[in-house]
Amino acid sequence: MPRRGRSSSRVDRKALERDRRQRTKELFSRLGFLLPTPLSKRSLPEMLDQATTHVKQLGQRVEMLKQKKQLLEGSSSIDDQTTGIRDHMMGGAWLPVLTVSDLGSMLEVCVKSGSNKKFMLHQVIQVLVEEAAQVVALSYSNVGDRIFYTINAQAVSPRIGIETSRVHERLKELIF
């Protein structure tokens, strides 16, 4: 009789292990569908590495969007005289605000400028190209007497990337 008990416990353990493996397989499959790259045969470590990288990039994107939201909320203030930190004025002219966000192999450049501050957008794009970045999207909007530019660029070579601090310094020299 004790022998039968051991046999059934062994069967129970095998069934539990089979269920655990099946559940793990289903979870990895769901993870694979959530990743931005197309499905292909990839090992579990590669999939986990890609998922980790993707989650980090999403976190950086969230932080960048929070900063952008704060910047835009500051620009819609009713009393511009009281928002000295958010909106910079000098003799009635808006000083430009520049943010450069590193998103891994992507870069987002946001420029908020007064309509009286003339700078050539092609010069900003030229700086990005010289720094081995390819512009993939560009948008702008006019809000009152201010202009908002958003430029998304991708590293020409993802292995090398884009040196964000250098791009920021060069654009600062150009815009200010």
Protein backbone atom coordinates (compact mmCIF):
# COMPACT_ATOMS: atom_id res chain seq x y z
CA MET A 1 0.00 0.00 0.00
CA PRO A 2 2.73 2.57 0.76
CA ARG A 3 4.16 1.87 -2.64
CA ARG A 4 1.00 3.01 -4.34
CA GLY A 5 1.14 6.31 -2.43
CA ARG A 6 4.63 7.02 -3.69
CA SER A 7 3.55 6.25 -7.23
CA SER A 8 0.59 8.61 -7.10
CA SER A 9 2.69 11.39 -5.54
CA ARG A 10 5.20 10.95 -8.35
CA VAL A 11 2.42 11.23 -10.92
CA ASP A 12 1.12 14.34 -9.12
CA ARG A 13 4.58 15.92 -9.22
CA LYS A 14 4.92 15.12 -12.92
CA ALA A 15 1.53 16.64 -13.64
CA LEU A 16 2.39 19.75 -11.61
CA GLU A 17 5.70 20.13 -13.42
CA ARG A 18 4.03 19.64 -16.82
CA ASP A 19 1.44 22.31 -15.93
CA ARG A 20 4.18 24.67 -14.74
CA ARG A 21 6.14 24.21 -17.99
CA GLN A 22 2.99 24.74 -20.06
CA ARG A 23 2.12 27.92 -18.13
CA THR A 24 5.71 29.22 -18.54
CA LYS A 25 5.56 28.50 -22.27
CA GLU A 26 2.27 30.41 -22.58
CA LEU A 27 3.69 33.39 -20.66
CA PHE A 28 6.80 33.55 -22.85
CA SER A 29 4.59 33.37 -25.92
CA ARG A 30 2.49 36.29 -24.66
CA LEU A 31 5.68 38.23 -23.90
CA GLY A 32 6.90 37.63 -27.45
CA PHE A 33 3.71 39.15 -28.87
CA LEU A 34 4.13 42.26 -26.71
CA LEU A 35 7.62 43.06 -28.01
CA PRO A 36 7.91 45.65 -30.80
CA THR A 37 10.01 43.54 -33.16
CA PRO A 38 8.41 40.91 -35.38
CA LEU A 39 8.22 37.39 -34.07
CA SER A 40 11.00 35.13 -35.14
CA LYS A 41 12.77 32.18 -33.65
CA ARG A 42 14.67 33.61 -30.74
CA SER A 43 15.93 32.04 -27.59
CA LEU A 44 14.37 32.77 -24.22
CA PRO A 45 17.42 34.74 -23.01
CA GLU A 46 17.26 36.90 -26.16
CA MET A 47 13.55 37.49 -25.61
CA LEU A 48 14.09 38.42 -21.97
CA ASP A 49 16.94 40.75 -22.91
CA GLN A 50 14.80 42.42 -25.55
CA ALA A 51 11.88 42.73 -23.13
CA THR A 52 14.15 44.30 -20.50
CA THR A 53 15.48 46.81 -23.02
CA HIS A 54 11.97 47.61 -24.23
CA VAL A 55 10.70 48.22 -20.68
CA LYS A 56 13.65 50.54 -19.97
CA GLN A 57 12.95 52.48 -23.18
CA LEU A 58 9.29 52.78 -22.25
CA GLY A 59 10.30 54.11 -18.82
CA GLN A 60 12.55 56.71 -20.45
CA ARG A 61 9.76 57.64 -22.84
CA VAL A 62 7.34 58.10 -19.91
CA GLU A 63 9.82 60.39 -18.14
CA MET A 64 10.41 62.38 -21.33
CA LEU A 65 6.66 62.75 -21.90
CA LYS A 66 6.20 63.91 -18.30
CA GLN A 67 8.84 66.60 -18.87
CA LYS A 68 7.22 67.58 -22.15
CA LYS A 69 3.82 67.78 -20.44
CA GLN A 70 5.24 70.03 -17.72
CA LEU A 71 6.82 72.23 -20.37
CA LEU A 72 3.54 72.50 -22.29
CA GLU A 73 1.47 73.07 -19.16
CA GLY A 74 3.81 75.88 -18.25
CA SER A 75 3.27 77.47 -21.66
CA SER A 76 -0.51 77.65 -21.21
CA SER A 77 -0.30 79.69 -18.05
CA ILE A 78 -2.70 82.64 -17.83
CA ASP A 79 -0.34 84.98 -15.98
CA ASP A 80 3.01 84.76 -17.76
CA GLN A 81 4.60 87.22 -15.34
CA THR A 82 4.33 84.72 -12.47
CA THR A 83 5.83 81.75 -14.29
CA GLY A 84 9.41 82.99 -14.38
CA ILE A 85 10.92 79.51 -14.19
CA ARG A 86 8.74 77.92 -16.84
CA ASP A 87 8.49 80.75 -19.35
CA HIS A 88 11.56 82.91 -19.78
CA MET A 89 11.01 86.47 -20.94
CA MET A 90 13.49 89.17 -21.70
CA GLY A 91 12.19 92.56 -22.74
CA GLY A 92 8.91 91.06 -24.01
CA ALA A 93 10.69 88.44 -26.16
CA TRP A 94 10.43 84.76 -25.28
CA LEU A 95 13.76 83.04 -24.80
CA PRO A 96 13.98 79.60 -26.39
CA VAL A 97 13.71 76.44 -24.30
CA LEU A 98 15.63 73.40 -25.53
CA THR A 99 15.26 69.81 -24.32
CA VAL A 100 17.10 66.83 -25.76
CA SER A 101 15.92 63.41 -24.60
CA ASP A 102 17.89 60.21 -25.11
CA LEU A 103 15.63 57.23 -25.87
CA GLY A 104 18.26 54.59 -26.53
CA SER A 105 18.90 54.60 -30.26
CA MET A 106 16.33 57.40 -30.64
CA LEU A 107 16.65 61.07 -29.77
CA GLU A 108 13.89 63.62 -29.24
CA VAL A 109 14.63 67.32 -29.56
CA CYS A 110 12.00 69.80 -28.34
CA VAL A 111 12.42 73.51 -28.95
CA LYS A 112 10.02 76.12 -27.62
CA SER A 113 10.67 79.51 -29.13
CA GLY A 114 9.05 82.90 -29.48
CA SER A 115 7.92 83.79 -32.98
CA ASN A 116 10.32 86.74 -32.91
CA LYS A 117 13.37 84.45 -32.43
CA LYS A 118 14.46 83.48 -35.91
CA PHE A 119 16.58 80.39 -36.33
CA MET A 120 16.78 78.16 -39.32
CA LEU A 121 15.24 74.74 -38.78
CA HIS A 122 17.46 73.27 -41.48
CA GLN A 123 20.46 74.19 -39.31
CA VAL A 124 19.04 72.15 -36.43
CA ILE A 125 18.51 69.21 -38.78
CA GLN A 126 22.05 69.66 -40.14
CA VAL A 127 23.48 69.38 -36.60
CA LEU A 128 21.55 66.13 -36.10
CA VAL A 129 22.79 64.74 -39.41
CA GLU A 130 26.38 65.68 -38.57
CA GLU A 131 26.00 63.84 -35.25
CA ALA A 132 24.98 60.63 -37.10
CA ALA A 133 21.26 60.97 -36.53
CA GLN A 134 18.58 60.51 -39.15
CA VAL A 135 15.42 62.60 -38.71
CA VAL A 136 12.40 60.28 -38.76
CA ALA A 137 9.68 62.71 -37.67
CA LEU A 138 9.27 66.45 -37.28
CA SER A 139 6.28 68.41 -36.05
CA TYR A 140 5.60 71.98 -35.04
CA SER A 141 2.73 74.02 -33.70
CA ASN A 142 2.05 77.69 -33.12
CA VAL A 143 0.51 78.68 -29.82
CA GLY A 144 -0.01 82.42 -29.58
CA ASP A 145 3.36 84.04 -30.15
CA ARG A 146 5.30 80.84 -29.47
CA ILE A 147 6.39 77.99 -31.71
CA PHE A 148 6.93 74.41 -30.53
CA TYR A 149 9.16 72.09 -32.58
CA THR A 150 9.53 68.37 -31.91
CA ILE A 151 12.12 66.44 -33.86
CA ASN A 152 12.56 62.68 -33.53
CA ALA A 153 15.82 61.27 -34.83
CA GLN A 154 17.25 57.79 -34.97
CA ALA A 155 20.89 56.79 -34.75
CA VAL A 156 22.28 55.94 -38.17
CA SER A 157 24.21 53.14 -36.46
CA PRO A 158 22.40 51.81 -33.37
CA ARG A 159 25.65 50.23 -32.15
CA ILE A 160 27.34 53.63 -31.97
CA GLY A 161 24.29 55.63 -30.89
CA ILE A 162 24.03 59.40 -30.55
CA GLU A 163 25.99 61.47 -28.05
CA THR A 164 23.13 63.41 -26.47
CA SER A 165 25.27 65.88 -24.52
CA ARG A 166 27.20 66.89 -27.64
CA VAL A 167 23.98 67.35 -29.64
CA HIS A 168 22.52 69.43 -26.81
CA GLU A 169 25.59 71.69 -26.62
CA ARG A 170 25.71 72.23 -30.38
CA LEU A 171 22.00 73.03 -30.56
CA LYS A 172 22.29 75.37 -27.59
CA GLU A 173 25.02 77.32 -29.40
CA LEU A 174 22.86 77.47 -32.52
CA ILE A 175 19.55 78.46 -30.88
CA PHE A 176 20.62 80.82 -28.10
